[in-house]
Amino acid sequence: MLSNSAPKELPLLDLTVLSHLERQLNDAQPARAFARDYITGFGDRYLRLESSVSNRDFPAALDAALSLRNSSAMVGAERLSALAADFEAAVASSDLDTAREALPGIERCGLDTILELEARYLSSA
């Protein structure tokens, strides 16, 4: 079973992560481009999760989960990163039913995260 309560307690978006990236690069534009690329790539990342589970392709599912978890962490999407980690743990323990059950929550969280990024980060550009 996934740890549904823990990810829900995490913020949808931690903007300090992107602020830190802006300071590191001494320029907001690359961080904003990264956020836009993250938004553009979410659909493909989610489809990779979904198709790998449907195809019972454990290595592909782990790779897709790792990609979503890491990219989400890099953009400050803490809740989505945690959900991807839970998905990854389910796949790693060969629990495809739990992984499959997690997909709608991951999709909803991803879409909510995109809305937050657009409203709270990219719209202020």
C-alpha atoms as a PDB file:
ATOM      1  CA  MET A   1       0.000   0.000   0.000  1.00  0.00           C
ATOM      2  CA  LEU A   2       1.231   3.472  -0.807  1.00  0.00           C
ATOM      3  CA  SER A   3       1.857   6.038   1.898  1.00  0.00           C
ATOM      4  CA  ASN A   4      -0.953   8.320   0.729  1.00  0.00           C
ATOM      5  CA  SER A   5      -0.936  10.510   3.829  1.00  0.00           C
ATOM      6  CA  ALA A   6       2.722  11.541   3.648  1.00  0.00           C
ATOM      7  CA  PRO A   7       2.724  12.950   0.091  1.00  0.00           C
ATOM      8  CA  LYS A   8      -0.500  14.897   0.764  1.00  0.00           C
ATOM      9  CA  GLU A   9       1.232  16.684   3.615  1.00  0.00           C
ATOM     10  CA  LEU A  10       3.996  17.923   1.320  1.00  0.00           C
ATOM     11  CA  PRO A  11       3.605  21.199  -0.546  1.00  0.00           C
ATOM     12  CA  LEU A  12       2.470  20.934  -4.133  1.00  0.00           C
ATOM     13  CA  LEU A  13       5.225  23.346  -5.117  1.00  0.00           C
ATOM     14  CA  ASP A  14       8.221  24.709  -3.229  1.00  0.00           C
ATOM     15  CA  LEU A  15       9.279  27.826  -5.103  1.00  0.00           C
ATOM     16  CA  THR A  16      12.483  28.136  -3.095  1.00  0.00           C
ATOM     17  CA  VAL A  17      13.918  25.358  -5.269  1.00  0.00           C
ATOM     18  CA  LEU A  18      13.540  27.448  -8.428  1.00  0.00           C
ATOM     19  CA  SER A  19      14.663  30.603  -6.618  1.00  0.00           C
ATOM     20  CA  HIS A  20      17.807  28.776  -5.568  1.00  0.00           C
ATOM     21  CA  LEU A  21      18.404  27.699  -9.182  1.00  0.00           C
ATOM     22  CA  GLU A  22      17.969  31.305 -10.336  1.00  0.00           C
ATOM     23  CA  ARG A  23      20.565  32.460  -7.792  1.00  0.00           C
ATOM     24  CA  GLN A  24      22.981  29.680  -8.742  1.00  0.00           C
ATOM     25  CA  LEU A  25      22.774  30.631 -12.403  1.00  0.00           C
ATOM     26  CA  ASN A  26      22.598  34.346 -11.656  1.00  0.00           C
ATOM     27  CA  ASP A  27      19.738  34.479 -14.171  1.00  0.00           C
ATOM     28  CA  ALA A  28      16.039  33.647 -13.955  1.00  0.00           C
ATOM     29  CA  GLN A  29      15.620  32.731 -17.617  1.00  0.00           C
ATOM     30  CA  PRO A  30      17.219  29.247 -17.536  1.00  0.00           C
ATOM     31  CA  ALA A  31      15.164  28.337 -14.454  1.00  0.00           C
ATOM     32  CA  ARG A  32      11.983  29.529 -16.161  1.00  0.00           C
ATOM     33  CA  ALA A  33      12.909  27.564 -19.291  1.00  0.00           C
ATOM     34  CA  PHE A  34      13.451  24.491 -17.134  1.00  0.00           C
ATOM     35  CA  ALA A  35       9.992  24.963 -15.574  1.00  0.00           C
ATOM     36  CA  ARG A  36       8.421  25.301 -19.029  1.00  0.00           C
ATOM     37  CA  ASP A  37      10.261  22.178 -20.239  1.00  0.00           C
ATOM     38  CA  TYR A  38       9.064  20.316 -17.145  1.00  0.00           C
ATOM     39  CA  ILE A  39       5.473  21.276 -17.959  1.00  0.00           C
ATOM     40  CA  THR A  40       5.869  20.254 -21.592  1.00  0.00           C
ATOM     41  CA  GLY A  41       7.434  16.920 -20.646  1.00  0.00           C
ATOM     42  CA  PHE A  42       4.944  15.891 -17.964  1.00  0.00           C
ATOM     43  CA  GLY A  43       2.520  14.264 -20.399  1.00  0.00           C
ATOM     44  CA  ASP A  44       5.220  12.055 -21.886  1.00  0.00           C
ATOM     45  CA  ARG A  45       6.560  11.112 -18.454  1.00  0.00           C
ATOM     46  CA  TYR A  46       3.087  10.164 -17.282  1.00  0.00           C
ATOM     47  CA  LEU A  47       2.401   8.130 -20.428  1.00  0.00           C
ATOM     48  CA  ARG A  48       5.655   6.251 -19.857  1.00  0.00           C
ATOM     49  CA  LEU A  49       4.480   5.347 -16.337  1.00  0.00           C
ATOM     50  CA  GLU A  50       1.103   4.228 -17.608  1.00  0.00           C
ATOM     51  CA  SER A  51       2.329   2.206 -20.583  1.00  0.00           C
ATOM     52  CA  SER A  52       5.128   0.515 -18.644  1.00  0.00           C
ATOM     53  CA  VAL A  53       2.648  -0.696 -16.025  1.00  0.00           C
ATOM     54  CA  SER A  54       0.188  -1.817 -18.706  1.00  0.00           C
ATOM     55  CA  ASN A  55       2.967  -3.725 -20.445  1.00  0.00           C
ATOM     56  CA  ARG A  56       4.277  -5.150 -17.157  1.00  0.00           C
ATOM     57  CA  ASP A  57       7.679  -3.739 -18.094  1.00  0.00           C
ATOM     58  CA  PHE A  58       9.342  -3.353 -14.701  1.00  0.00           C
ATOM     59  CA  PRO A  59      12.612  -1.784 -15.925  1.00  0.00           C
ATOM     60  CA  ALA A  60      10.724   0.797 -17.997  1.00  0.00           C
ATOM     61  CA  ALA A  61       8.400   1.538 -15.076  1.00  0.00           C
ATOM     62  CA  LEU A  62      11.362   2.092 -12.752  1.00  0.00           C
ATOM     63  CA  ASP A  63      13.066   4.315 -15.303  1.00  0.00           C
ATOM     64  CA  ALA A  64       9.884   6.354 -15.833  1.00  0.00           C
ATOM     65  CA  ALA A  65       9.335   6.715 -12.086  1.00  0.00           C
ATOM     66  CA  LEU A  66      12.935   7.809 -11.537  1.00  0.00           C
ATOM     67  CA  SER A  67      12.645  10.384 -14.320  1.00  0.00           C
ATOM     68  CA  LEU A  68       9.431  11.817 -12.888  1.00  0.00           C
ATOM     69  CA  ARG A  69      10.731  11.762  -9.306  1.00  0.00           C
ATOM     70  CA  ASN A  70      13.997  13.514 -10.118  1.00  0.00           C
ATOM     71  CA  SER A  71      12.605  16.116 -12.511  1.00  0.00           C
ATOM     72  CA  SER A  72       9.828  16.901 -10.035  1.00  0.00           C
ATOM     73  CA  ALA A  73      12.320  17.362  -7.212  1.00  0.00           C
ATOM     74  CA  MET A  74      14.433  19.642  -9.403  1.00  0.00           C
ATOM     75  CA  VAL A  75      11.467  21.916 -10.123  1.00  0.00           C
ATOM     76  CA  GLY A  76      10.256  21.935  -6.504  1.00  0.00           C
ATOM     77  CA  ALA A  77       7.249  19.656  -7.026  1.00  0.00           C
ATOM     78  CA  GLU A  78       7.664  17.934  -3.676  1.00  0.00           C
ATOM     79  CA  ARG A  79       4.315  16.135  -3.531  1.00  0.00           C
ATOM     80  CA  LEU A  80       4.623  14.742  -7.058  1.00  0.00           C
ATOM     81  CA  SER A  81       8.192  13.666  -6.383  1.00  0.00           C
ATOM     82  CA  ALA A  82       6.996  11.749  -3.302  1.00  0.00           C
ATOM     83  CA  LEU A  83       4.162  10.114  -5.244  1.00  0.00           C
ATOM     84  CA  ALA A  84       6.639   9.055  -7.934  1.00  0.00           C
ATOM     85  CA  ALA A  85       8.887   7.603  -5.212  1.00  0.00           C
ATOM     86  CA  ASP A  86       5.930   5.608  -3.850  1.00  0.00           C
ATOM     87  CA  PHE A  87       5.169   4.375  -7.369  1.00  0.00           C
ATOM     88  CA  GLU A  88       8.828   3.432  -7.785  1.00  0.00           C
ATOM     89  CA  ALA A  89       8.764   1.481  -4.510  1.00  0.00           C
ATOM     90  CA  ALA A  90       5.639  -0.404  -5.592  1.00  0.00           C
ATOM     91  CA  VAL A  91       7.236  -1.357  -8.911  1.00  0.00           C
ATOM     92  CA  ALA A  92      10.509  -2.315  -7.222  1.00  0.00           C
ATOM     93  CA  SER A  93       8.569  -4.738  -5.013  1.00  0.00           C
ATOM     94  CA  SER A  94       6.718  -6.106  -8.084  1.00  0.00           C
ATOM     95  CA  ASP A  95       3.396  -4.713  -6.840  1.00  0.00           C
ATOM     96  CA  LEU A  96       1.886  -3.612 -10.132  1.00  0.00           C
ATOM     97  CA  ASP A  97      -1.618  -3.407  -8.670  1.00  0.00           C
ATOM     98  CA  THR A  98      -0.506  -0.735  -6.221  1.00  0.00           C
ATOM     99  CA  ALA A  99       1.464   1.041  -8.953  1.00  0.00           C
ATOM    100  CA  ARG A 100      -1.585   0.972 -11.229  1.00  0.00           C
ATOM    101  CA  GLU A 101      -3.791   2.338  -8.432  1.00  0.00           C
ATOM    102  CA  ALA A 102      -1.348   5.220  -7.927  1.00  0.00           C
ATOM    103  CA  LEU A 103      -1.582   6.447 -11.519  1.00  0.00           C
ATOM    104  CA  PRO A 104      -4.729   8.617 -11.212  1.00  0.00           C
ATOM    105  CA  GLY A 105      -3.293  10.393  -8.161  1.00  0.00           C
ATOM    106  CA  ILE A 106       0.000  10.989  -9.936  1.00  0.00           C
ATOM    107  CA  GLU A 107      -1.794  12.397 -12.961  1.00  0.00           C
ATOM    108  CA  ARG A 108      -4.009  14.693 -10.851  1.00  0.00           C
ATOM    109  CA  CYS A 109      -1.036  15.893  -8.805  1.00  0.00           C
ATOM    110  CA  GLY A 110       0.970  16.498 -11.967  1.00  0.00           C
ATOM    111  CA  LEU A 111      -1.785  18.589 -13.504  1.00  0.00           C
ATOM    112  CA  ASP A 112      -2.215  20.549 -10.256  1.00  0.00           C
ATOM    113  CA  THR A 113       1.543  21.098 -10.128  1.00  0.00           C
ATOM    114  CA  ILE A 114       1.518  22.445 -13.685  1.00  0.00           C
ATOM    115  CA  LEU A 115      -1.239  24.900 -12.763  1.00  0.00           C
ATOM    116  CA  GLU A 116       0.777  26.026  -9.720  1.00  0.00           C
ATOM    117  CA  LEU A 117       3.941  26.482 -11.769  1.00  0.00           C
ATOM    118  CA  GLU A 118       2.077  28.532 -14.344  1.00  0.00           C
ATOM    119  CA  ALA A 119       0.202  30.662 -11.799  1.00  0.00           C
ATOM    120  CA  ARG A 120       2.855  31.164  -9.125  1.00  0.00           C
ATOM    121  CA  TYR A 121       6.116  31.060 -11.063  1.00  0.00           C
ATOM    122  CA  LEU A 122       5.801  31.544 -14.783  1.00  0.00           C
ATOM    123  CA  SER A 123       3.056  34.189 -14.741  1.00  0.00           C
ATOM    124  CA  SER A 124       5.293  36.496 -12.710  1.00  0.00           C
ATOM    125  CA  ALA A 125       7.851  36.637 -15.523  1.00  0.00           C
END
